[in-house]
Amino acid sequence: MPLLDLAQRQVGAQTNTQGWLPVPVIEYVADYLGMPYIRTYEVASFYTMYNLAPVGRFHVQLCGTTPCWIKGSDEVLRACKDLGLAKARRRPMACSR
C-alpha cells in the first residue's frame, strides 16, 4: 500500500493534480513487489484513497455511511451541489479563494 501511495503522489507531482494510478504504474508496482497485477489492482480498486482515473487539482470526497449521515453529511452534499459540484464531475475553478 505505501508503494501505491508513493506512485500516486509521483503521478500527481508530474501532472500537478491529486494524482492517480494508471495501469502501467500499477503493473510496475506489482512487478517490483513480485506479485500478480490483479492482486495489486484489487488493493488499488478497494481503497478509496487510490484514484484509478485522473482527478483535478482539488478532489472532494464525502462519506456516505450512516454515521456520517447522522452527523450531517447530507448537508455538506447539498452545499456542494449548491456550488455546482457533482459526483464524478470535473469543473474548472470558478473562484480564487
PDB file of N, CA and C in Angstrom:
ATOM      1  N   MET A   1       0.810  -1.195   0.000  1.00  0.00           N
ATOM      2  CA  MET A   1       0.000   0.000   0.000  1.00  0.00           C
ATOM      3  C   MET A   1       0.856   1.264   0.000  1.00  0.00           C
ATOM      4  N   PRO A   2       1.930   1.321   0.762  1.00  0.00           N
ATOM      5  CA  PRO A   2       2.747   2.528   0.711  1.00  0.00           C
ATOM      6  C   PRO A   2       3.335   2.794  -0.681  1.00  0.00           C
ATOM      7  N   LEU A   3       3.668   1.741  -1.422  1.00  0.00           N
ATOM      8  CA  LEU A   3       4.216   1.959  -2.766  1.00  0.00           C
ATOM      9  C   LEU A   3       3.157   2.504  -3.717  1.00  0.00           C
ATOM     10  N   LEU A   4       1.933   2.044  -3.580  1.00  0.00           N
ATOM     11  CA  LEU A   4       0.860   2.592  -4.413  1.00  0.00           C
ATOM     12  C   LEU A   4       0.636   4.069  -4.075  1.00  0.00           C
ATOM     13  N   ASP A   5       0.683   4.394  -2.802  1.00  0.00           N
ATOM     14  CA  ASP A   5       0.524   5.784  -2.384  1.00  0.00           C
ATOM     15  C   ASP A   5       1.653   6.648  -2.943  1.00  0.00           C
ATOM     16  N   LEU A   6       2.876   6.153  -2.840  1.00  0.00           N
ATOM     17  CA  LEU A   6       4.019   6.886  -3.371  1.00  0.00           C
ATOM     18  C   LEU A   6       3.884   7.084  -4.878  1.00  0.00           C
ATOM     19  N   ALA A   7       3.500   6.028  -5.575  1.00  0.00           N
ATOM     20  CA  ALA A   7       3.334   6.119  -7.027  1.00  0.00           C
ATOM     21  C   ALA A   7       2.259   7.136  -7.383  1.00  0.00           C
ATOM     22  N   GLN A   8       1.154   7.124  -6.660  1.00  0.00           N
ATOM     23  CA  GLN A   8       0.080   8.085  -6.940  1.00  0.00           C
ATOM     24  C   GLN A   8       0.557   9.509  -6.693  1.00  0.00           C
ATOM     25  N   ARG A   9       1.312   9.706  -5.637  1.00  0.00           N
ATOM     26  CA  ARG A   9       1.852  11.041  -5.353  1.00  0.00           C
ATOM     27  C   ARG A   9       2.821  11.498  -6.437  1.00  0.00           C
ATOM     28  N   GLN A  10       3.624  10.572  -6.947  1.00  0.00           N
ATOM     29  CA  GLN A  10       4.570  10.919  -8.010  1.00  0.00           C
ATOM     30  C   GLN A  10       3.838  11.309  -9.294  1.00  0.00           C
ATOM     31  N   VAL A  11       2.797  10.569  -9.631  1.00  0.00           N
ATOM     32  CA  VAL A  11       1.995  10.924 -10.807  1.00  0.00           C
ATOM     33  C   VAL A  11       1.364  12.300 -10.589  1.00  0.00           C
ATOM     34  N   GLY A  12       0.884  12.553  -9.380  1.00  0.00           N
ATOM     35  CA  GLY A  12       0.300  13.854  -9.062  1.00  0.00           C
ATOM     36  C   GLY A  12       1.304  14.986  -9.195  1.00  0.00           C
ATOM     37  N   ALA A  13       2.526  14.757  -8.741  1.00  0.00           N
ATOM     38  CA  ALA A  13       3.566  15.780  -8.842  1.00  0.00           C
ATOM     39  C   ALA A  13       3.897  16.078 -10.305  1.00  0.00           C
ATOM     40  N   GLN A  14       3.871  15.051 -11.138  1.00  0.00           N
ATOM     41  CA  GLN A  14       4.184  15.238 -12.559  1.00  0.00           C
ATOM     42  C   GLN A  14       3.053  15.925 -13.312  1.00  0.00           C
ATOM     43  N   THR A  15       1.819  15.741 -12.842  1.00  0.00           N
ATOM     44  CA  THR A  15       0.667  16.278 -13.566  1.00  0.00           C
ATOM     45  C   THR A  15       0.007  17.459 -12.861  1.00  0.00           C
ATOM     46  N   ASN A  16       0.563  17.900 -11.735  1.00  0.00           N
ATOM     47  CA  ASN A  16       0.008  18.995 -10.938  1.00  0.00           C
ATOM     48  C   ASN A  16      -1.458  18.727 -10.565  1.00  0.00           C
ATOM     49  N   THR A  17      -1.731  17.493 -10.131  1.00  0.00           N
ATOM     50  CA  THR A  17      -3.068  17.084  -9.707  1.00  0.00           C
ATOM     51  C   THR A  17      -2.946  16.355  -8.379  1.00  0.00           C
ATOM     52  N   GLN A  18      -4.040  15.778  -7.931  1.00  0.00           N
ATOM     53  CA  GLN A  18      -4.027  14.950  -6.728  1.00  0.00           C
ATOM     54  C   GLN A  18      -3.397  13.589  -7.005  1.00  0.00           C
ATOM     55  N   GLY A  19      -3.175  13.277  -8.264  1.00  0.00           N
ATOM     56  CA  GLY A  19      -2.553  12.010  -8.622  1.00  0.00           C
ATOM     57  C   GLY A  19      -3.557  10.909  -8.869  1.00  0.00           C
ATOM     58  N   TRP A  20      -3.111   9.906  -9.605  1.00  0.00           N
ATOM     59  CA  TRP A  20      -3.934   8.738  -9.883  1.00  0.00           C
ATOM     60  C   TRP A  20      -3.008   7.606 -10.271  1.00  0.00           C
ATOM     61  N   LEU A  21      -3.565   6.414 -10.445  1.00  0.00           N
ATOM     62  CA  LEU A  21      -2.759   5.228 -10.738  1.00  0.00           C
ATOM     63  C   LEU A  21      -3.129   4.651 -12.105  1.00  0.00           C
ATOM     64  N   PRO A  22      -2.402   5.048 -13.150  1.00  0.00           N
ATOM     65  CA  PRO A  22      -2.634   4.438 -14.458  1.00  0.00           C
ATOM     66  C   PRO A  22      -2.210   2.961 -14.431  1.00  0.00           C
ATOM     67  N   VAL A  23      -2.733   2.173 -15.345  1.00  0.00           N
ATOM     68  CA  VAL A  23      -2.432   0.740 -15.400  1.00  0.00           C
ATOM     69  C   VAL A  23      -0.923   0.471 -15.425  1.00  0.00           C
ATOM     70  N   PRO A  24      -0.129   1.165 -16.256  1.00  0.00           N
ATOM     71  CA  PRO A  24       1.316   0.877 -16.256  1.00  0.00           C
ATOM     72  C   PRO A  24       1.982   1.090 -14.889  1.00  0.00           C
ATOM     73  N   VAL A  25       1.482   2.032 -14.132  1.00  0.00           N
ATOM     74  CA  VAL A  25       2.038   2.287 -12.798  1.00  0.00           C
ATOM     75  C   VAL A  25       1.693   1.135 -11.859  1.00  0.00           C
ATOM     76  N   ILE A  26       0.455   0.669 -11.921  1.00  0.00           N
ATOM     77  CA  ILE A  26       0.054  -0.469 -11.089  1.00  0.00           C
ATOM     78  C   ILE A  26       0.850  -1.704 -11.490  1.00  0.00           C
ATOM     79  N   GLU A  27       1.054  -1.891 -12.779  1.00  0.00           N
ATOM     80  CA  GLU A  27       1.853  -3.032 -13.264  1.00  0.00           C
ATOM     81  C   GLU A  27       3.290  -2.946 -12.749  1.00  0.00           C
ATOM     82  N   TYR A  28       3.851  -1.743 -12.754  1.00  0.00           N
ATOM     83  CA  TYR A  28       5.224  -1.559 -12.271  1.00  0.00           C
ATOM     84  C   TYR A  28       5.324  -1.908 -10.786  1.00  0.00           C
ATOM     85  N   VAL A  29       4.381  -1.431  -9.992  1.00  0.00           N
ATOM     86  CA  VAL A  29       4.395  -1.729  -8.550  1.00  0.00           C
ATOM     87  C   VAL A  29       4.258  -3.234  -8.321  1.00  0.00           C
ATOM     88  N   ALA A  30       3.355  -3.870  -9.057  1.00  0.00           N
ATOM     89  CA  ALA A  30       3.163  -5.317  -8.919  1.00  0.00           C
ATOM     90  C   ALA A  30       4.443  -6.058  -9.266  1.00  0.00           C
ATOM     91  N   ASP A  31       5.071  -5.666 -10.358  1.00  0.00           N
ATOM     92  CA  ASP A  31       6.320  -6.310 -10.777  1.00  0.00           C
ATOM     93  C   ASP A  31       7.419  -6.091  -9.737  1.00  0.00           C
ATOM     94  N   TYR A  32       7.509  -4.880  -9.227  1.00  0.00           N
ATOM     95  CA  TYR A  32       8.521  -4.556  -8.216  1.00  0.00           C
ATOM     96  C   TYR A  32       8.345  -5.420  -6.965  1.00  0.00           C
ATOM     97  N   LEU A  33       7.082  -5.665  -6.603  1.00  0.00           N
ATOM     98  CA  LEU A  33       6.795  -6.471  -5.418  1.00  0.00           C
ATOM     99  C   LEU A  33       6.788  -7.965  -5.707  1.00  0.00           C
ATOM    100  N   GLY A  34       6.879  -8.337  -6.987  1.00  0.00           N
ATOM    101  CA  GLY A  34       6.876  -9.741  -7.355  1.00  0.00           C
ATOM    102  C   GLY A  34       5.533 -10.414  -7.142  1.00  0.00           C
ATOM    103  N   MET A  35       4.475  -9.676  -7.388  1.00  0.00           N
ATOM    104  CA  MET A  35       3.136 -10.236  -7.210  1.00  0.00           C
ATOM    105  C   MET A  35       2.317 -10.025  -8.480  1.00  0.00           C
ATOM    106  N   PRO A  36       1.256 -10.804  -8.662  1.00  0.00           N
ATOM    107  CA  PRO A  36       0.426 -10.646  -9.855  1.00  0.00           C
ATOM    108  C   PRO A  36      -0.230  -9.263  -9.911  1.00  0.00           C
ATOM    109  N   TYR A  37      -0.378  -8.748 -11.112  1.00  0.00           N
ATOM    110  CA  TYR A  37      -1.015  -7.443 -11.324  1.00  0.00           C
ATOM    111  C   TYR A  37      -2.385  -7.392 -10.651  1.00  0.00           C
ATOM    112  N   ILE A  38      -3.166  -8.455 -10.787  1.00  0.00           N
ATOM    113  CA  ILE A  38      -4.535  -8.446 -10.278  1.00  0.00           C
ATOM    114  C   ILE A  38      -4.581  -8.225  -8.763  1.00  0.00           C
ATOM    115  N   ARG A  39      -3.599  -8.728  -8.043  1.00  0.00           N
ATOM    116  CA  ARG A  39      -3.565  -8.527  -6.580  1.00  0.00           C
ATOM    117  C   ARG A  39      -3.336  -7.043  -6.252  1.00  0.00           C
ATOM    118  N   THR A  40      -2.446  -6.424  -6.986  1.00  0.00           N
ATOM    119  CA  THR A  40      -2.168  -5.005  -6.763  1.00  0.00           C
ATOM    120  C   THR A  40      -3.376  -4.167  -7.175  1.00  0.00           C
ATOM    121  N   TYR A  41      -3.999  -4.536  -8.298  1.00  0.00           N
ATOM    122  CA  TYR A  41      -5.194  -3.827  -8.752  1.00  0.00           C
ATOM    123  C   TYR A  41      -6.334  -3.969  -7.736  1.00  0.00           C
ATOM    124  N   GLU A  42      -6.473  -5.153  -7.150  1.00  0.00           N
ATOM    125  CA  GLU A  42      -7.519  -5.358  -6.141  1.00  0.00           C
ATOM    126  C   GLU A  42      -7.361  -4.383  -4.979  1.00  0.00           C
ATOM    127  N   VAL A  43      -6.147  -4.194  -4.532  1.00  0.00           N
ATOM    128  CA  VAL A  43      -5.892  -3.255  -3.431  1.00  0.00           C
ATOM    129  C   VAL A  43      -6.211  -1.831  -3.878  1.00  0.00           C
ATOM    130  N   ALA A  44      -5.709  -1.464  -5.061  1.00  0.00           N
ATOM    131  CA  ALA A  44      -5.923  -0.103  -5.552  1.00  0.00           C
ATOM    132  C   ALA A  44      -7.400   0.196  -5.789  1.00  0.00           C
ATOM    133  N   SER A  45      -8.165  -0.796  -6.221  1.00  0.00           N
ATOM    134  CA  SER A  45      -9.579  -0.552  -6.507  1.00  0.00           C
ATOM    135  C   SER A  45     -10.450  -0.664  -5.253  1.00  0.00           C
ATOM    136  N   PHE A  46      -9.965  -1.297  -4.208  1.00  0.00           N
ATOM    137  CA  PHE A  46     -10.748  -1.458  -2.984  1.00  0.00           C
ATOM    138  C   PHE A  46     -10.749  -0.179  -2.136  1.00  0.00           C
ATOM    139  N   TYR A  47      -9.600   0.438  -1.982  1.00  0.00           N
ATOM    140  CA  TYR A  47      -9.464   1.593  -1.105  1.00  0.00           C
ATOM    141  C   TYR A  47      -9.750   2.890  -1.854  1.00  0.00           C
ATOM    142  N   THR A  48     -10.582   3.740  -1.255  1.00  0.00           N
ATOM    143  CA  THR A  48     -10.954   4.998  -1.909  1.00  0.00           C
ATOM    144  C   THR A  48      -9.818   6.017  -1.934  1.00  0.00           C
ATOM    145  N   MET A  49      -8.757   5.763  -1.201  1.00  0.00           N
ATOM    146  CA  MET A  49      -7.628   6.698  -1.211  1.00  0.00           C
ATOM    147  C   MET A  49      -6.835   6.626  -2.507  1.00  0.00           C
ATOM    148  N   TYR A  50      -7.064   5.581  -3.296  1.00  0.00           N
ATOM    149  CA  TYR A  50      -6.386   5.444  -4.583  1.00  0.00           C
ATOM    150  C   TYR A  50      -7.341   5.842  -5.694  1.00  0.00           C
ATOM    151  N   ASN A  51      -6.861   6.649  -6.614  1.00  0.00           N
ATOM    152  CA  ASN A  51      -7.654   7.099  -7.748  1.00  0.00           C
ATOM    153  C   ASN A  51      -7.239   6.316  -8.980  1.00  0.00           C
ATOM    154  N   LEU A  52      -8.195   5.662  -9.624  1.00  0.00           N
ATOM    155  CA  LEU A  52      -7.905   4.866 -10.808  1.00  0.00           C
ATOM    156  C   LEU A  52      -8.175   5.634 -12.095  1.00  0.00           C
ATOM    157  N   ALA A  53      -8.586   6.876 -11.959  1.00  0.00           N
ATOM    158  CA  ALA A  53      -8.802   7.756 -13.111  1.00  0.00           C
ATOM    159  C   ALA A  53      -8.255   9.132 -12.726  1.00  0.00           C
ATOM    160  N   PRO A  54      -7.906   9.925 -13.703  1.00  0.00           N
ATOM    161  CA  PRO A  54      -7.370  11.256 -13.390  1.00  0.00           C
ATOM    162  C   PRO A  54      -8.366  12.086 -12.584  1.00  0.00           C
ATOM    163  N   VAL A  55      -7.841  12.826 -11.645  1.00  0.00           N
ATOM    164  CA  VAL A  55      -8.652  13.761 -10.868  1.00  0.00           C
ATOM    165  C   VAL A  55      -8.036  15.144 -11.027  1.00  0.00           C
ATOM    166  N   GLY A  56      -8.795  16.145 -10.664  1.00  0.00           N
ATOM    167  CA  GLY A  56      -8.308  17.513 -10.796  1.00  0.00           C
ATOM    168  C   GLY A  56      -7.362  17.908  -9.679  1.00  0.00           C
ATOM    169  N   ARG A  57      -7.074  19.194  -9.646  1.00  0.00           N
ATOM    170  CA  ARG A  57      -6.170  19.704  -8.631  1.00  0.00           C
ATOM    171  C   ARG A  57      -6.787  19.573  -7.244  1.00  0.00           C
ATOM    172  N   PHE A  58      -8.099  19.702  -7.165  1.00  0.00           N
ATOM    173  CA  PHE A  58      -8.828  19.517  -5.912  1.00  0.00           C
ATOM    174  C   PHE A  58      -9.776  18.343  -6.089  1.00  0.00           C
ATOM    175  N   HIS A  59      -9.815  17.488  -5.095  1.00  0.00           N
ATOM    176  CA  HIS A  59     -10.626  16.277  -5.173  1.00  0.00           C
ATOM    177  C   HIS A  59     -11.438  16.190  -3.892  1.00  0.00           C
ATOM    178  N   VAL A  60     -12.744  16.351  -4.017  1.00  0.00           N
ATOM    179  CA  VAL A  60     -13.630  16.351  -2.846  1.00  0.00           C
ATOM    180  C   VAL A  60     -14.277  14.977  -2.732  1.00  0.00           C
ATOM    181  N   GLN A  61     -14.182  14.379  -1.553  1.00  0.00           N
ATOM    182  CA  GLN A  61     -14.839  13.108  -1.279  1.00  0.00           C
ATOM    183  C   GLN A  61     -15.693  13.274  -0.031  1.00  0.00           C
ATOM    184  N   LEU A  62     -16.888  12.711  -0.085  1.00  0.00           N
ATOM    185  CA  LEU A  62     -17.786  12.765   1.064  1.00  0.00           C
ATOM    186  C   LEU A  62     -18.090  11.361   1.544  1.00  0.00           C
ATOM    187  N   CYS A  63     -18.186  11.212   2.833  1.00  0.00           N
ATOM    188  CA  CYS A  63     -18.562   9.937   3.436  1.00  0.00           C
ATOM    189  C   CYS A  63     -20.059   9.754   3.283  1.00  0.00           C
ATOM    190  N   GLY A  64     -20.480   8.574   2.856  1.00  0.00           N
ATOM    191  CA  GLY A  64     -21.900   8.309   2.670  1.00  0.00           C
ATOM    192  C   GLY A  64     -22.464   7.263   3.611  1.00  0.00           C
ATOM    193  N   THR A  65     -21.728   6.948   4.649  1.00  0.00           N
ATOM    194  CA  THR A  65     -22.199   5.926   5.591  1.00  0.00           C
ATOM    195  C   THR A  65     -23.243   6.506   6.542  1.00  0.00           C
ATOM    196  N   THR A  66     -23.950   5.623   7.230  1.00  0.00           N
ATOM    197  CA  THR A  66     -24.989   6.059   8.162  1.00  0.00           C
ATOM    198  C   THR A  66     -24.439   6.963   9.273  1.00  0.00           C
ATOM    199  N   PRO A  67     -23.313   6.629   9.916  1.00  0.00           N
ATOM    200  CA  PRO A  67     -22.800   7.533  10.952  1.00  0.00           C
ATOM    201  C   PRO A  67     -22.500   8.934  10.416  1.00  0.00           C
ATOM    202  N   CYS A  68     -21.970   9.025   9.203  1.00  0.00           N
ATOM    203  CA  CYS A  68     -21.692  10.341   8.614  1.00  0.00           C
ATOM    204  C   CYS A  68     -22.992  11.081   8.313  1.00  0.00           C
ATOM    205  N   TRP A  69     -23.991  10.337   7.821  1.00  0.00           N
ATOM    206  CA  TRP A  69     -25.275  10.951   7.513  1.00  0.00           C
ATOM    207  C   TRP A  69     -25.909  11.520   8.783  1.00  0.00           C
ATOM    208  N   ILE A  70     -25.817  10.764   9.887  1.00  0.00           N
ATOM    209  CA  ILE A  70     -26.371  11.226  11.162  1.00  0.00           C
ATOM    210  C   ILE A  70     -25.695  12.528  11.596  1.00  0.00           C
ATOM    211  N   LYS A  71     -24.414  12.651  11.293  1.00  0.00           N
ATOM    212  CA  LYS A  71     -23.656  13.845  11.683  1.00  0.00           C
ATOM    213  C   LYS A  71     -23.780  14.992  10.677  1.00  0.00           C
ATOM    214  N   GLY A  72     -24.590  14.804   9.620  1.00  0.00           N
ATOM    215  CA  GLY A  72     -24.865  15.919   8.724  1.00  0.00           C
ATOM    216  C   GLY A  72     -24.198  15.885   7.359  1.00  0.00           C
ATOM    217  N   SER A  73     -23.749  14.728   6.908  1.00  0.00           N
ATOM    218  CA  SER A  73     -23.089  14.678   5.602  1.00  0.00           C
ATOM    219  C   SER A  73     -24.031  15.075   4.467  1.00  0.00           C
ATOM    220  N   ASP A  74     -25.338  14.883   4.658  1.00  0.00           N
ATOM    221  CA  ASP A  74     -26.288  15.272   3.617  1.00  0.00           C
ATOM    222  C   ASP A  74     -26.303  16.793   3.435  1.00  0.00           C
ATOM    223  N   GLU A  75     -26.072  17.542   4.514  1.00  0.00           N
ATOM    224  CA  GLU A  75     -25.997  18.997   4.419  1.00  0.00           C
ATOM    225  C   GLU A  75     -24.740  19.424   3.660  1.00  0.00           C
ATOM    226  N   VAL A  76     -23.653  18.722   3.885  1.00  0.00           N
ATOM    227  CA  VAL A  76     -22.416  19.018   3.157  1.00  0.00           C
ATOM    228  C   VAL A  76     -22.618  18.718   1.676  1.00  0.00           C
ATOM    229  N   LEU A  77     -23.256  17.596   1.372  1.00  0.00           N
ATOM    230  CA  LEU A  77     -23.537  17.233  -0.015  1.00  0.00           C
ATOM    231  C   LEU A  77     -24.414  18.292  -0.675  1.00  0.00           C
ATOM    232  N   ARG A  78     -25.422  18.750   0.019  1.00  0.00           N
ATOM    233  CA  ARG A  78     -26.307  19.780  -0.524  1.00  0.00           C
ATOM    234  C   ARG A  78     -25.520  21.066  -0.797  1.00  0.00           C
ATOM    235  N   ALA A  79     -24.632  21.442   0.117  1.00  0.00           N
ATOM    236  CA  ALA A  79     -23.813  22.645  -0.077  1.00  0.00           C
ATOM    237  C   ALA A  79     -22.907  22.490  -1.298  1.00  0.00           C
ATOM    238  N   CYS A  80     -22.358  21.296  -1.490  1.00  0.00           N
ATOM    239  CA  CYS A  80     -21.523  21.045  -2.663  1.00  0.00           C
ATOM    240  C   CYS A  80     -22.338  21.172  -3.944  1.00  0.00           C
ATOM    241  N   LYS A  81     -23.544  20.609  -3.935  1.00  0.00           N
ATOM    242  CA  LYS A  81     -24.420  20.713  -5.111  1.00  0.00           C
ATOM    243  C   LYS A  81     -24.794  22.163  -5.380  1.00  0.00           C
ATOM    244  N   ASP A  82     -25.017  22.946  -4.327  1.00  0.00           N
ATOM    245  CA  ASP A  82     -25.343  24.368  -4.493  1.00  0.00           C
ATOM    246  C   ASP A  82     -24.193  25.131  -5.135  1.00  0.00           C
ATOM    247  N   LEU A  83     -22.967  24.642  -4.926  1.00  0.00           N
ATOM    248  CA  LEU A  83     -21.786  25.265  -5.539  1.00  0.00           C
ATOM    249  C   LEU A  83     -21.530  24.756  -6.962  1.00  0.00           C
ATOM    250  N   GLY A  84     -22.367  23.825  -7.405  1.00  0.00           N
ATOM    251  CA  GLY A  84     -22.213  23.302  -8.756  1.00  0.00           C
ATOM    252  C   GLY A  84     -21.348  22.063  -8.833  1.00  0.00           C
ATOM    253  N   LEU A  85     -20.972  21.512  -7.678  1.00  0.00           N
ATOM    254  CA  LEU A  85     -20.179  20.292  -7.673  1.00  0.00           C
ATOM    255  C   LEU A  85     -21.104  19.101  -7.802  1.00  0.00           C
ATOM    256  N   ALA A  86     -20.667  18.090  -8.538  1.00  0.00           N
ATOM    257  CA  ALA A  86     -21.483  16.890  -8.712  1.00  0.00           C
ATOM    258  C   ALA A  86     -20.578  15.672  -8.680  1.00  0.00           C
ATOM    259  N   LYS A  87     -21.166  14.541  -8.388  1.00  0.00           N
ATOM    260  CA  LYS A  87     -20.412  13.292  -8.310  1.00  0.00           C
ATOM    261  C   LYS A  87     -19.737  12.985  -9.645  1.00  0.00           C
ATOM    262  N   ALA A  88     -18.446  12.685  -9.560  1.00  0.00           N
ATOM    263  CA  ALA A  88     -17.650  12.296 -10.726  1.00  0.00           C
ATOM    264  C   ALA A  88     -17.699  13.341 -11.834  1.00  0.00           C
ATOM    265  N   ARG A  89     -17.736  14.592 -11.450  1.00  0.00           N
ATOM    266  CA  ARG A  89     -17.769  15.658 -12.444  1.00  0.00           C
ATOM    267  C   ARG A  89     -16.582  16.575 -12.240  1.00  0.00           C
ATOM    268  N   ARG A  90     -15.958  16.931 -13.326  1.00  0.00           N
ATOM    269  CA  ARG A  90     -14.860  17.891 -13.258  1.00  0.00           C
ATOM    270  C   ARG A  90     -15.391  19.260 -13.592  1.00  0.00           C
ATOM    271  N   ARG A  91     -14.854  20.235 -12.904  1.00  0.00           N
ATOM    272  CA  ARG A  91     -15.303  21.590 -13.151  1.00  0.00           C
ATOM    273  C   ARG A  91     -14.120  22.512 -12.990  1.00  0.00           C
ATOM    274  N   PRO A  92     -13.961  23.501 -13.863  1.00  0.00           N
ATOM    275  CA  PRO A  92     -12.874  24.458 -13.709  1.00  0.00           C
ATOM    276  C   PRO A  92     -13.074  25.306 -12.469  1.00  0.00           C
ATOM    277  N   MET A  93     -11.992  25.786 -11.916  1.00  0.00           N
ATOM    278  CA  MET A  93     -12.084  26.628 -10.729  1.00  0.00           C
ATOM    279  C   MET A  93     -12.827  27.911 -11.082  1.00  0.00           C
ATOM    280  N   ALA A  94     -13.860  28.226 -10.310  1.00  0.00           N
ATOM    281  CA  ALA A  94     -14.675  29.396 -10.571  1.00  0.00           C
ATOM    282  C   ALA A  94     -14.232  30.609  -9.749  1.00  0.00           C
ATOM    283  N   CYS A  95     -13.510  30.365  -8.683  1.00  0.00           N
ATOM    284  CA  CYS A  95     -13.080  31.470  -7.821  1.00  0.00           C
ATOM    285  C   CYS A  95     -11.636  31.240  -7.400  1.00  0.00           C
ATOM    286  N   SER A  96     -11.036  32.266  -6.837  1.00  0.00           N
ATOM    287  CA  SER A  96      -9.627  32.163  -6.459  1.00  0.00           C
ATOM    288  C   SER A  96      -9.437  32.181  -4.961  1.00  0.00           C
ATOM    289  N   ARG A  97     -10.433  31.761  -4.181  1.00  0.00           N
ATOM    290  CA  ARG A  97     -10.307  31.745  -2.717  1.00  0.00           C
ATOM    291  C   ARG A  97      -9.299  30.756  -2.258  1.00  0.00           C
TER     292      ARG A  97
END
